[in-house]
C-alpha atoms as a PDB file:
ATOM      1  CA  UNK A   1      93.973 -32.140 -60.246  1.00  0.00           C
ATOM      2  CA  UNK A   2      94.040 -29.061 -62.384  1.00  0.00           C
ATOM      3  CA  UNK A   3      93.575 -30.432 -65.867  1.00  0.00           C
ATOM      4  CA  UNK A   4      94.589 -29.124 -68.822  1.00  0.00           C
ATOM      5  CA  UNK A   5      93.885 -29.343 -72.705  1.00  0.00           C
ATOM      6  CA  UNK A   6      95.804 -31.782 -73.160  1.00  0.00           C
ATOM      7  CA  UNK A   7      95.088 -33.867 -70.307  1.00  0.00           C
ATOM      8  CA  UNK A   8      91.509 -34.667 -70.880  1.00  0.00           C
ATOM      9  CA  UNK A   9      92.379 -34.631 -74.918  1.00  0.00           C
ATOM     10  CA  UNK A  10      94.161 -38.120 -74.307  1.00  0.00           C
ATOM     11  CA  UNK A  11      91.569 -39.139 -72.016  1.00  0.00           C
ATOM     12  CA  UNK A  12      89.555 -38.946 -74.689  1.00  0.00           C
ATOM     13  CA  UNK A  13      92.080 -40.683 -77.359  1.00  0.00           C
ATOM     14  CA  UNK A  14      92.724 -43.550 -74.967  1.00  0.00           C
ATOM     15  CA  UNK A  15      89.180 -44.501 -74.963  1.00  0.00           C
ATOM     16  CA  UNK A  16      88.095 -43.741 -78.648  1.00  0.00           C
ATOM     17  CA  UNK A  17      87.097 -46.875 -79.702  1.00  0.00           C
ATOM     18  CA  UNK A  18      85.884 -48.616 -76.945  1.00  0.00           C
ATOM     19  CA  UNK A  19      82.594 -48.409 -77.495  1.00  0.00           C
ATOM     20  CA  UNK A  20      82.417 -49.485 -80.989  1.00  0.00           C
ATOM     21  CA  UNK A  21      80.844 -52.994 -80.955  1.00  0.00           C
ATOM     22  CA  UNK A  22      81.675 -56.051 -82.333  1.00  0.00           C
ATOM     23  CA  UNK A  23      81.445 -55.662 -85.385  1.00  0.00           C
ATOM     24  CA  UNK A  24      81.253 -58.771 -87.362  1.00  0.00           C
ATOM     25  CA  UNK A  25      83.888 -59.605 -89.529  1.00  0.00           C
ATOM     26  CA  UNK A  26      81.338 -59.176 -93.065  1.00  0.00           C
ATOM     27  CA  UNK A  27      80.974 -56.420 -91.997  1.00  0.00           C
ATOM     28  CA  UNK A  28      84.230 -55.493 -91.419  1.00  0.00           C
ATOM     29  CA  UNK A  29      84.870 -52.636 -93.645  1.00  0.00           C
ATOM     30  CA  UNK A  30      82.122 -50.854 -92.030  1.00  0.00           C
ATOM     31  CA  UNK A  31      84.846 -50.612 -88.835  1.00  0.00           C
ATOM     32  CA  UNK A  32      87.464 -50.265 -90.770  1.00  0.00           C
ATOM     33  CA  UNK A  33      85.511 -47.431 -92.372  1.00  0.00           C
ATOM     34  CA  UNK A  34      84.922 -45.835 -88.886  1.00  0.00           C
ATOM     35  CA  UNK A  35      87.713 -46.261 -87.049  1.00  0.00           C
ATOM     36  CA  UNK A  36      89.560 -44.518 -89.985  1.00  0.00           C
ATOM     37  CA  UNK A  37      88.159 -41.110 -89.514  1.00  0.00           C
ATOM     38  CA  UNK A  38      87.726 -41.365 -85.779  1.00  0.00           C
ATOM     39  CA  UNK A  39      91.153 -41.912 -85.778  1.00  0.00           C
ATOM     40  CA  UNK A  40      92.766 -38.964 -88.469  1.00  0.00           C
ATOM     41  CA  UNK A  41      93.467 -36.649 -85.541  1.00  0.00           C
ATOM     42  CA  UNK A  42      91.683 -33.565 -84.659  1.00  0.00           C
ATOM     43  CA  UNK A  43      91.391 -31.049 -82.061  1.00  0.00           C
ATOM     44  CA  UNK A  44      88.894 -33.095 -80.391  1.00  0.00           C
ATOM     45  CA  UNK A  45      87.360 -30.038 -79.350  1.00  0.00           C
ATOM     46  CA  UNK A  46      83.371 -31.454 -78.309  1.00  0.00           C
ATOM     47  CA  UNK A  47      84.647 -33.780 -75.821  1.00  0.00           C
ATOM     48  CA  UNK A  48      87.555 -32.299 -74.161  1.00  0.00           C
ATOM     49  CA  UNK A  49      84.402 -29.869 -73.573  1.00  0.00           C
ATOM     50  CA  UNK A  50      81.697 -31.875 -71.651  1.00  0.00           C
ATOM     51  CA  UNK A  51      84.443 -33.775 -69.546  1.00  0.00           C
ATOM     52  CA  UNK A  52      85.854 -30.228 -68.506  1.00  0.00           C
ATOM     53  CA  UNK A  53      82.860 -28.879 -67.987  1.00  0.00           C
ATOM     54  CA  UNK A  54      82.153 -32.257 -66.018  1.00  0.00           C
ATOM     55  CA  UNK A  55      84.898 -31.196 -63.812  1.00  0.00           C
ATOM     56  CA  UNK A  56      83.445 -27.526 -63.218  1.00  0.00           C
ATOM     57  CA  UNK A  57      80.243 -28.529 -62.440  1.00  0.00           C
ATOM     58  CA  UNK A  58      81.618 -31.382 -59.429  1.00  0.00           C
ATOM     59  CA  UNK A  59      81.153 -34.062 -61.470  1.00  0.00           C
ATOM     60  CA  UNK A  60      83.288 -37.166 -61.844  1.00  0.00           C
ATOM     61  CA  UNK A  61      84.334 -37.123 -65.645  1.00  0.00           C
ATOM     62  CA  UNK A  62      85.154 -41.239 -65.618  1.00  0.00           C
ATOM     63  CA  UNK A  63      80.622 -41.677 -65.420  1.00  0.00           C
ATOM     64  CA  UNK A  64      80.573 -38.620 -68.886  1.00  0.00           C
ATOM     65  CA  UNK A  65      83.401 -41.137 -70.687  1.00  0.00           C
ATOM     66  CA  UNK A  66      81.217 -42.307 -72.740  1.00  0.00           C
ATOM     67  CA  UNK A  67      78.827 -39.277 -73.274  1.00  0.00           C
ATOM     68  CA  UNK A  68      82.226 -37.445 -74.500  1.00  0.00           C
ATOM     69  CA  UNK A  69      82.971 -40.613 -76.817  1.00  0.00           C
ATOM     70  CA  UNK A  70      79.643 -40.472 -78.397  1.00  0.00           C
ATOM     71  CA  UNK A  71      80.088 -36.705 -78.993  1.00  0.00           C
ATOM     72  CA  UNK A  72      83.094 -37.115 -81.198  1.00  0.00           C
ATOM     73  CA  UNK A  73      81.590 -40.145 -82.652  1.00  0.00           C
ATOM     74  CA  UNK A  74      78.120 -37.767 -83.589  1.00  0.00           C
ATOM     75  CA  UNK A  75      80.811 -34.925 -84.273  1.00  0.00           C
ATOM     76  CA  UNK A  76      83.472 -37.378 -86.880  1.00  0.00           C
ATOM     77  CA  UNK A  77      80.225 -38.915 -88.714  1.00  0.00           C
ATOM     78  CA  UNK A  78      78.895 -35.003 -89.367  1.00  0.00           C
ATOM     79  CA  UNK A  79      82.417 -34.364 -91.386  1.00  0.00           C
ATOM     80  CA  UNK A  80      82.546 -37.114 -93.259  1.00  0.00           C
ATOM     81  CA  UNK A  81      79.139 -36.153 -94.176  1.00  0.00           C
ATOM     82  CA  UNK A  82      80.310 -32.410 -93.992  1.00  0.00           C
ATOM     83  CA  UNK A  83      82.724 -33.523 -97.262  1.00  0.00           C
ATOM     84  CA  UNK A  84      80.836 -35.641 -99.756  1.00  0.00           C
ATOM     85  CA  UNK A  85      80.508 -35.062-102.902  1.00  0.00           C
ATOM     86  CA  UNK A  86      76.966 -33.571-102.738  1.00  0.00           C
ATOM     87  CA  UNK A  87      77.717 -31.395 -99.570  1.00  0.00           C
ATOM     88  CA  UNK A  88      81.314 -29.333 -99.830  1.00  0.00           C
ATOM     89  CA  UNK A  89      82.973 -32.645-102.377  1.00  0.00           C
ATOM     90  CA  UNK A  90      86.295 -31.938 -99.879  1.00  0.00           C
ATOM     91  CA  UNK A  91      89.198 -34.231-100.399  1.00  0.00           C
ATOM     92  CA  UNK A  92      91.156 -33.855 -97.483  1.00  0.00           C
ATOM     93  CA  UNK A  93      90.242 -33.728 -93.654  1.00  0.00           C
ATOM     94  CA  UNK A  94      92.320 -33.833 -90.682  1.00  0.00           C
ATOM     95  CA  UNK A  95      95.283 -33.909 -92.344  1.00  0.00           C
ATOM     96  CA  UNK A  96      94.041 -37.656 -94.670  1.00  0.00           C
ATOM     97  CA  UNK A  97      92.362 -38.171 -97.820  1.00  0.00           C
ATOM     98  CA  UNK A  98      88.696 -37.965 -96.184  1.00  0.00           C
ATOM     99  CA  UNK A  99      87.095 -40.453 -95.975  1.00  0.00           C
ATOM    100  CA  UNK A 100      84.744 -41.237 -99.603  1.00  0.00           C
ATOM    101  CA  UNK A 101      87.834 -40.611-100.161  1.00  0.00           C
ATOM    102  CA  UNK A 102      88.963 -43.875 -99.079  1.00  0.00           C
ATOM    103  CA  UNK A 103      86.320 -46.255 -98.638  1.00  0.00           C
ATOM    104  CA  UNK A 104      84.253 -44.663-101.445  1.00  0.00           C
ATOM    105  CA  UNK A 105      81.111 -42.850-101.447  1.00  0.00           C
ATOM    106  CA  UNK A 106      78.367 -45.178 -99.920  1.00  0.00           C
ATOM    107  CA  UNK A 107      80.652 -46.376 -97.459  1.00  0.00           C
ATOM    108  CA  UNK A 108      81.300 -43.373 -95.840  1.00  0.00           C
ATOM    109  CA  UNK A 109      77.656 -42.605 -96.199  1.00  0.00           C
ATOM    110  CA  UNK A 110      77.109 -45.804 -94.044  1.00  0.00           C
ATOM    111  CA  UNK A 111      80.340 -45.569 -92.304  1.00  0.00           C
ATOM    112  CA  UNK A 112      78.790 -41.856 -90.470  1.00  0.00           C
ATOM    113  CA  UNK A 113      75.261 -43.654 -89.630  1.00  0.00           C
ATOM    114  CA  UNK A 114      77.356 -45.806 -88.266  1.00  0.00           C
ATOM    115  CA  UNK A 115      79.386 -42.985 -85.409  1.00  0.00           C
ATOM    116  CA  UNK A 116      76.327 -41.179 -85.165  1.00  0.00           C
ATOM    117  CA  UNK A 117      73.933 -44.829 -83.744  1.00  0.00           C
ATOM    118  CA  UNK A 118      76.714 -45.889 -81.736  1.00  0.00           C
ATOM    119  CA  UNK A 119      76.929 -42.885 -79.917  1.00  0.00           C
ATOM    120  CA  UNK A 120      73.264 -43.025 -78.965  1.00  0.00           C
ATOM    121  CA  UNK A 121      73.980 -46.378 -78.143  1.00  0.00           C
ATOM    122  CA  UNK A 122      77.177 -45.390 -76.300  1.00  0.00           C
ATOM    123  CA  UNK A 123      74.408 -43.174 -74.100  1.00  0.00           C
ATOM    124  CA  UNK A 124      71.334 -45.223 -73.495  1.00  0.00           C
ATOM    125  CA  UNK A 125      73.857 -48.265 -72.649  1.00  0.00           C
ATOM    126  CA  UNK A 126      75.421 -46.526 -70.071  1.00  0.00           C
ATOM    127  CA  UNK A 127      71.971 -45.141 -68.772  1.00  0.00           C
ATOM    128  CA  UNK A 128      70.796 -48.646 -68.263  1.00  0.00           C
ATOM    129  CA  UNK A 129      72.748 -48.559 -65.716  1.00  0.00           C
ATOM    130  CA  UNK A 130      71.386 -46.400 -63.066  1.00  0.00           C
ATOM    131  CA  UNK A 131      67.317 -47.449 -63.776  1.00  0.00           C
ATOM    132  CA  UNK A 132      67.320 -47.663 -59.512  1.00  0.00           C
ATOM    133  CA  UNK A 133      69.150 -44.020 -58.927  1.00  0.00           C
ATOM    134  CA  UNK A 134      66.278 -41.646 -60.138  1.00  0.00           C
ATOM    135  CA  UNK A 135      68.735 -39.038 -59.449  1.00  0.00           C
ATOM    136  CA  UNK A 136      71.533 -40.388 -61.993  1.00  0.00           C
ATOM    137  CA  UNK A 137      69.411 -41.501 -64.652  1.00  0.00           C
ATOM    138  CA  UNK A 138      68.171 -37.615 -64.765  1.00  0.00           C
ATOM    139  CA  UNK A 139      71.714 -36.696 -65.390  1.00  0.00           C
ATOM    140  CA  UNK A 140      72.082 -38.713 -67.455  1.00  0.00           C
ATOM    141  CA  UNK A 141      68.580 -38.287 -69.689  1.00  0.00           C
ATOM    142  CA  UNK A 142      69.617 -34.006 -69.439  1.00  0.00           C
ATOM    143  CA  UNK A 143      72.758 -34.797 -71.223  1.00  0.00           C
ATOM    144  CA  UNK A 144      72.208 -37.240 -73.784  1.00  0.00           C
ATOM    145  CA  UNK A 145      69.608 -35.025 -74.820  1.00  0.00           C
ATOM    146  CA  UNK A 146      71.093 -31.987 -74.886  1.00  0.00           C
ATOM    147  CA  UNK A 147      74.248 -34.022 -76.884  1.00  0.00           C
ATOM    148  CA  UNK A 148      70.598 -35.198 -79.609  1.00  0.00           C
ATOM    149  CA  UNK A 149      69.070 -31.089 -79.713  1.00  0.00           C
ATOM    150  CA  UNK A 150      72.373 -30.090 -80.505  1.00  0.00           C
ATOM    151  CA  UNK A 151      72.862 -32.757 -83.392  1.00  0.00           C
ATOM    152  CA  UNK A 152      69.586 -32.336 -84.674  1.00  0.00           C
ATOM    153  CA  UNK A 153      66.852 -30.862 -86.782  1.00  0.00           C
ATOM    154  CA  UNK A 154      66.741 -27.348 -84.533  1.00  0.00           C
ATOM    155  CA  UNK A 155      70.916 -27.594 -84.003  1.00  0.00           C
ATOM    156  CA  UNK A 156      73.803 -29.010 -86.511  1.00  0.00           C
ATOM    157  CA  UNK A 157      71.341 -30.395 -89.130  1.00  0.00           C
ATOM    158  CA  UNK A 158      69.619 -27.099 -88.932  1.00  0.00           C
ATOM    159  CA  UNK A 159      72.977 -25.107 -89.607  1.00  0.00           C
ATOM    160  CA  UNK A 160      73.868 -27.339 -92.331  1.00  0.00           C
ATOM    161  CA  UNK A 161      71.105 -27.246 -94.459  1.00  0.00           C
ATOM    162  CA  UNK A 162      70.801 -23.289 -94.420  1.00  0.00           C
ATOM    163  CA  UNK A 163      75.028 -23.461 -95.190  1.00  0.00           C
ATOM    164  CA  UNK A 164      73.548 -25.323 -98.302  1.00  0.00           C
ATOM    165  CA  UNK A 165      70.721 -23.673 -99.272  1.00  0.00           C
ATOM    166  CA  UNK A 166      72.729 -20.281 -99.053  1.00  0.00           C
ATOM    167  CA  UNK A 167      76.167 -21.103-101.446  1.00  0.00           C
ATOM    168  CA  UNK A 168      76.745 -18.468-103.808  1.00  0.00           C
ATOM    169  CA  UNK A 169      73.807 -15.728-102.074  1.00  0.00           C
ATOM    170  CA  UNK A 170      74.683 -12.462-100.623  1.00  0.00           C
ATOM    171  CA  UNK A 171      73.396 -13.550 -97.102  1.00  0.00           C
ATOM    172  CA  UNK A 172      72.922 -11.319 -93.855  1.00  0.00           C
ATOM    173  CA  UNK A 173      75.230 -11.373 -91.093  1.00  0.00           C
ATOM    174  CA  UNK A 174      71.827 -12.186 -89.278  1.00  0.00           C
ATOM    175  CA  UNK A 175      71.315 -15.444 -91.439  1.00  0.00           C
ATOM    176  CA  UNK A 176      75.019 -16.174 -91.101  1.00  0.00           C
ATOM    177  CA  UNK A 177      74.918 -15.638 -87.377  1.00  0.00           C
ATOM    178  CA  UNK A 178      72.152 -18.750 -87.119  1.00  0.00           C
ATOM    179  CA  UNK A 179      74.602 -21.079 -90.149  1.00  0.00           C
ATOM    180  CA  UNK A 180      77.166 -20.326 -87.492  1.00  0.00           C
ATOM    181  CA  UNK A 181      74.967 -21.613 -84.079  1.00  0.00           C
ATOM    182  CA  UNK A 182      73.724 -24.065 -85.630  1.00  0.00           C
ATOM    183  CA  UNK A 183      76.247 -25.885 -87.763  1.00  0.00           C
ATOM    184  CA  UNK A 184      79.387 -25.226 -85.563  1.00  0.00           C
ATOM    185  CA  UNK A 185      78.287 -23.446 -82.001  1.00  0.00           C
ATOM    186  CA  UNK A 186      74.899 -25.782 -81.848  1.00  0.00           C
ATOM    187  CA  UNK A 187      77.567 -29.046 -80.784  1.00  0.00           C
ATOM    188  CA  UNK A 188      80.018 -27.192 -79.139  1.00  0.00           C
ATOM    189  CA  UNK A 189      77.255 -25.825 -76.556  1.00  0.00           C
ATOM    190  CA  UNK A 190      75.652 -28.857 -76.174  1.00  0.00           C
ATOM    191  CA  UNK A 191      79.063 -30.043 -75.059  1.00  0.00           C
ATOM    192  CA  UNK A 192      79.350 -27.813 -71.998  1.00  0.00           C
ATOM    193  CA  UNK A 193      75.044 -28.497 -70.994  1.00  0.00           C
ATOM    194  CA  UNK A 194      75.159 -32.093 -71.258  1.00  0.00           C
ATOM    195  CA  UNK A 195      79.368 -31.966 -69.186  1.00  0.00           C
ATOM    196  CA  UNK A 196      77.771 -29.660 -66.586  1.00  0.00           C
ATOM    197  CA  UNK A 197      74.302 -31.876 -66.391  1.00  0.00           C
ATOM    198  CA  UNK A 198      76.656 -34.991 -65.668  1.00  0.00           C
ATOM    199  CA  UNK A 199      78.135 -32.306 -63.086  1.00  0.00           C
ATOM    200  CA  UNK A 200      76.247 -30.989 -59.664  1.00  0.00           C
ATOM    201  CA  UNK A 201      75.912 -27.207 -61.164  1.00  0.00           C
ATOM    202  CA  UNK A 202      73.496 -24.263 -60.325  1.00  0.00           C
ATOM    203  CA  UNK A 203      70.843 -22.223 -62.254  1.00  0.00           C
ATOM    204  CA  UNK A 204      73.975 -19.691 -62.714  1.00  0.00           C
ATOM    205  CA  UNK A 205      76.694 -21.504 -63.687  1.00  0.00           C
ATOM    206  CA  UNK A 206      73.695 -22.742 -66.502  1.00  0.00           C
ATOM    207  CA  UNK A 207      72.721 -19.700 -67.592  1.00  0.00           C
ATOM    208  CA  UNK A 208      76.505 -18.374 -67.409  1.00  0.00           C
ATOM    209  CA  UNK A 209      78.025 -21.729 -68.794  1.00  0.00           C
ATOM    210  CA  UNK A 210      75.300 -21.469 -71.621  1.00  0.00           C
ATOM    211  CA  UNK A 211      76.558 -17.438 -72.065  1.00  0.00           C
ATOM    212  CA  UNK A 212      80.374 -19.020 -72.357  1.00  0.00           C
ATOM    213  CA  UNK A 213      79.440 -21.624 -74.951  1.00  0.00           C
ATOM    214  CA  UNK A 214      77.043 -19.513 -76.805  1.00  0.00           C
ATOM    215  CA  UNK A 215      79.848 -17.287 -77.602  1.00  0.00           C
ATOM    216  CA  UNK A 216      82.735 -19.790 -77.928  1.00  0.00           C
ATOM    217  CA  UNK A 217      80.376 -21.868 -81.101  1.00  0.00           C
ATOM    218  CA  UNK A 218      80.527 -17.870 -82.521  1.00  0.00           C
ATOM    219  CA  UNK A 219      84.356 -17.516 -81.536  1.00  0.00           C
ATOM    220  CA  UNK A 220      85.473 -20.941 -83.097  1.00  0.00           C
ATOM    221  CA  UNK A 221      83.036 -20.442 -86.046  1.00  0.00           C
ATOM    222  CA  UNK A 222      85.004 -16.481 -87.469  1.00  0.00           C
ATOM    223  CA  UNK A 223      88.375 -18.000 -85.910  1.00  0.00           C
ATOM    224  CA  UNK A 224      87.440 -20.726 -88.833  1.00  0.00           C
ATOM    225  CA  UNK A 225      86.416 -18.452 -91.825  1.00  0.00           C
ATOM    226  CA  UNK A 226      89.306 -16.125 -90.882  1.00  0.00           C
ATOM    227  CA  UNK A 227      92.020 -19.690 -91.198  1.00  0.00           C
ATOM    228  CA  UNK A 228      90.439 -20.460 -94.411  1.00  0.00           C
ATOM    229  CA  UNK A 229      91.889 -16.870 -96.145  1.00  0.00           C
ATOM    230  CA  UNK A 230      95.353 -16.659 -93.865  1.00  0.00           C
ATOM    231  CA  UNK A 231      95.613 -19.810 -92.309  1.00  0.00           C
ATOM    232  CA  UNK A 232      97.659 -23.427 -94.295  1.00  0.00           C
ATOM    233  CA  UNK A 233      96.150 -26.947 -94.670  1.00  0.00           C
ATOM    234  CA  UNK A 234      99.605 -27.102 -92.789  1.00  0.00           C
ATOM    235  CA  UNK A 235      98.253 -25.705 -90.026  1.00  0.00           C
ATOM    236  CA  UNK A 236      94.501 -26.753 -90.154  1.00  0.00           C
ATOM    237  CA  UNK A 237      94.734 -30.300 -91.665  1.00  0.00           C
ATOM    238  CA  UNK A 238      92.007 -29.837 -94.166  1.00  0.00           C
ATOM    239  CA  UNK A 239      92.328 -27.467 -97.805  1.00  0.00           C
ATOM    240  CA  UNK A 240      92.361 -23.394 -97.328  1.00  0.00           C
ATOM    241  CA  UNK A 241      90.151 -20.947 -99.538  1.00  0.00           C
ATOM    242  CA  UNK A 242      88.033 -23.880-100.142  1.00  0.00           C
ATOM    243  CA  UNK A 243      84.793 -20.971 -98.752  1.00  0.00           C
ATOM    244  CA  UNK A 244      85.551 -19.002-101.775  1.00  0.00           C
ATOM    245  CA  UNK A 245      85.974 -21.636-104.512  1.00  0.00           C
ATOM    246  CA  UNK A 246      82.982 -22.911-103.739  1.00  0.00           C
ATOM    247  CA  UNK A 247      81.198 -19.683-103.021  1.00  0.00           C
ATOM    248  CA  UNK A 248      80.050 -19.890 -99.403  1.00  0.00           C
ATOM    249  CA  UNK A 249      78.935 -16.353 -97.326  1.00  0.00           C
ATOM    250  CA  UNK A 250      81.869 -16.367 -94.483  1.00  0.00           C
ATOM    251  CA  UNK A 251      82.296 -13.905 -91.689  1.00  0.00           C
ATOM    252  CA  UNK A 252      85.291 -12.935 -93.777  1.00  0.00           C
ATOM    253  CA  UNK A 253      83.385 -12.917 -97.302  1.00  0.00           C
ATOM    254  CA  UNK A 254      80.551 -10.913 -95.840  1.00  0.00           C
ATOM    255  CA  UNK A 255      82.670  -8.328 -93.369  1.00  0.00           C
ATOM    256  CA  UNK A 256      86.283  -8.622 -94.913  1.00  0.00           C
ATOM    257  CA  UNK A 257      88.795  -9.727 -92.907  1.00  0.00           C
ATOM    258  CA  UNK A 258      89.262  -6.907 -90.457  1.00  0.00           C
ATOM    259  CA  UNK A 259      86.088  -6.862 -89.321  1.00  0.00           C
ATOM    260  CA  UNK A 260      85.846 -10.632 -88.834  1.00  0.00           C
ATOM    261  CA  UNK A 261      89.734  -9.796 -86.521  1.00  0.00           C
ATOM    262  CA  UNK A 262      87.428  -6.766 -84.131  1.00  0.00           C
ATOM    263  CA  UNK A 263      83.875  -9.481 -84.863  1.00  0.00           C
ATOM    264  CA  UNK A 264      86.140 -12.295 -82.664  1.00  0.00           C
ATOM    265  CA  UNK A 265      88.065 -10.010 -79.851  1.00  0.00           C
ATOM    266  CA  UNK A 266      84.102  -8.817 -78.915  1.00  0.00           C
ATOM    267  CA  UNK A 267      82.269 -12.525 -78.775  1.00  0.00           C
ATOM    268  CA  UNK A 268      85.519 -13.729 -77.443  1.00  0.00           C
ATOM    269  CA  UNK A 269      85.216 -10.572 -74.672  1.00  0.00           C
ATOM    270  CA  UNK A 270      81.725 -11.388 -73.882  1.00  0.00           C
ATOM    271  CA  UNK A 271      82.057 -15.293 -73.451  1.00  0.00           C
ATOM    272  CA  UNK A 272      84.918 -14.443 -71.011  1.00  0.00           C
ATOM    273  CA  UNK A 273      82.847 -12.067 -69.532  1.00  0.00           C
ATOM    274  CA  UNK A 274      80.273 -14.602 -68.902  1.00  0.00           C
ATOM    275  CA  UNK A 275      82.299 -16.409 -66.954  1.00  0.00           C
ATOM    276  CA  UNK A 276      84.476 -13.655 -64.965  1.00  0.00           C
ATOM    277  CA  UNK A 277      82.742 -14.559 -61.839  1.00  0.00           C
ATOM    278  CA  UNK A 278      85.004 -17.713 -61.276  1.00  0.00           C
ATOM    279  CA  UNK A 279      87.976 -16.269 -61.450  1.00  0.00           C
ATOM    280  CA  UNK A 280      90.538 -19.236 -61.283  1.00  0.00           C
ATOM    281  CA  UNK A 281      87.592 -22.516 -60.860  1.00  0.00           C
ATOM    282  CA  UNK A 282      87.232 -21.339 -64.737  1.00  0.00           C
ATOM    283  CA  UNK A 283      90.578 -20.488 -65.829  1.00  0.00           C
ATOM    284  CA  UNK A 284      90.502 -23.792 -68.389  1.00  0.00           C
ATOM    285  CA  UNK A 285      87.477 -21.936 -70.662  1.00  0.00           C
ATOM    286  CA  UNK A 286      88.762 -18.163 -69.832  1.00  0.00           C
ATOM    287  CA  UNK A 287      92.054 -20.317 -71.868  1.00  0.00           C
ATOM    288  CA  UNK A 288      89.939 -21.878 -74.339  1.00  0.00           C
ATOM    289  CA  UNK A 289      88.705 -18.257 -75.903  1.00  0.00           C
ATOM    290  CA  UNK A 290      92.735 -16.852 -75.373  1.00  0.00           C
ATOM    291  CA  UNK A 291      93.936 -19.444 -77.145  1.00  0.00           C
ATOM    292  CA  UNK A 292      91.792 -19.923 -79.415  1.00  0.00           C
ATOM    293  CA  UNK A 293      92.385 -15.515 -80.308  1.00  0.00           C
ATOM    294  CA  UNK A 294      95.608 -16.037 -80.906  1.00  0.00           C
ATOM    295  CA  UNK A 295      95.489 -18.777 -83.084  1.00  0.00           C
ATOM    296  CA  UNK A 296      94.058 -16.753 -86.146  1.00  0.00           C
ATOM    297  CA  UNK A 297      97.265 -14.508 -85.697  1.00  0.00           C
END
């Protein structure tokens, strides 16, 4: 059965809270704060990519579900922390007040911590069911490793540090791409590679999808930079113009809007070329790139 983005998204939303352990009523405010940001909406891009990649590689998306939900927990934790006064100091996320505006800074930090740890609890709990099946446990360890690496000090966290330290500074395109590849792109790439590992990919598929994922991550961030200039808060679910207000270096601020559109087209073409030999079998991934480009127009 051919699945579309919204099909995968519906599966993710249906099971979004399934992997949160029962939290004692004495700490129920922690659950409330975690649930608030999780259920506030969002594209669900990363878990959808993981499920779609698993499908693409011939896997069972039911078995991939703990890893897809885990990556959404990690992404949501990063948004909660990213919005804090010490970071980007945003008051709107996914069309609602940010977590710290509702629950206070301390509980927002702990809600993020709770989501991050719950992600690894969900994945390792799933692994424990397959100790007697070397092939299946290997797939899961590889998937969890990709997610951990993408979220960590060689991925998203590193990118966030460089992004923060580059505020009010003139930086090169090389540094900007480093930030984009890590802060945004690393978890997108992790989602795709984890999904592939939960299927049965060959080496060529992994290499081609790795190239696709890297260019998708860059495209996504450049499109986000463009939309921060030309988009609206209603459309994006967050304040626009925030990057300029915070004096952040973005692709549009360094290169201008026209060059940003040109680069988005070039990088999108690279992503499409990486999967061109898969023809209609990769239609989901091709459509995703084209939709991303069209969203900025």
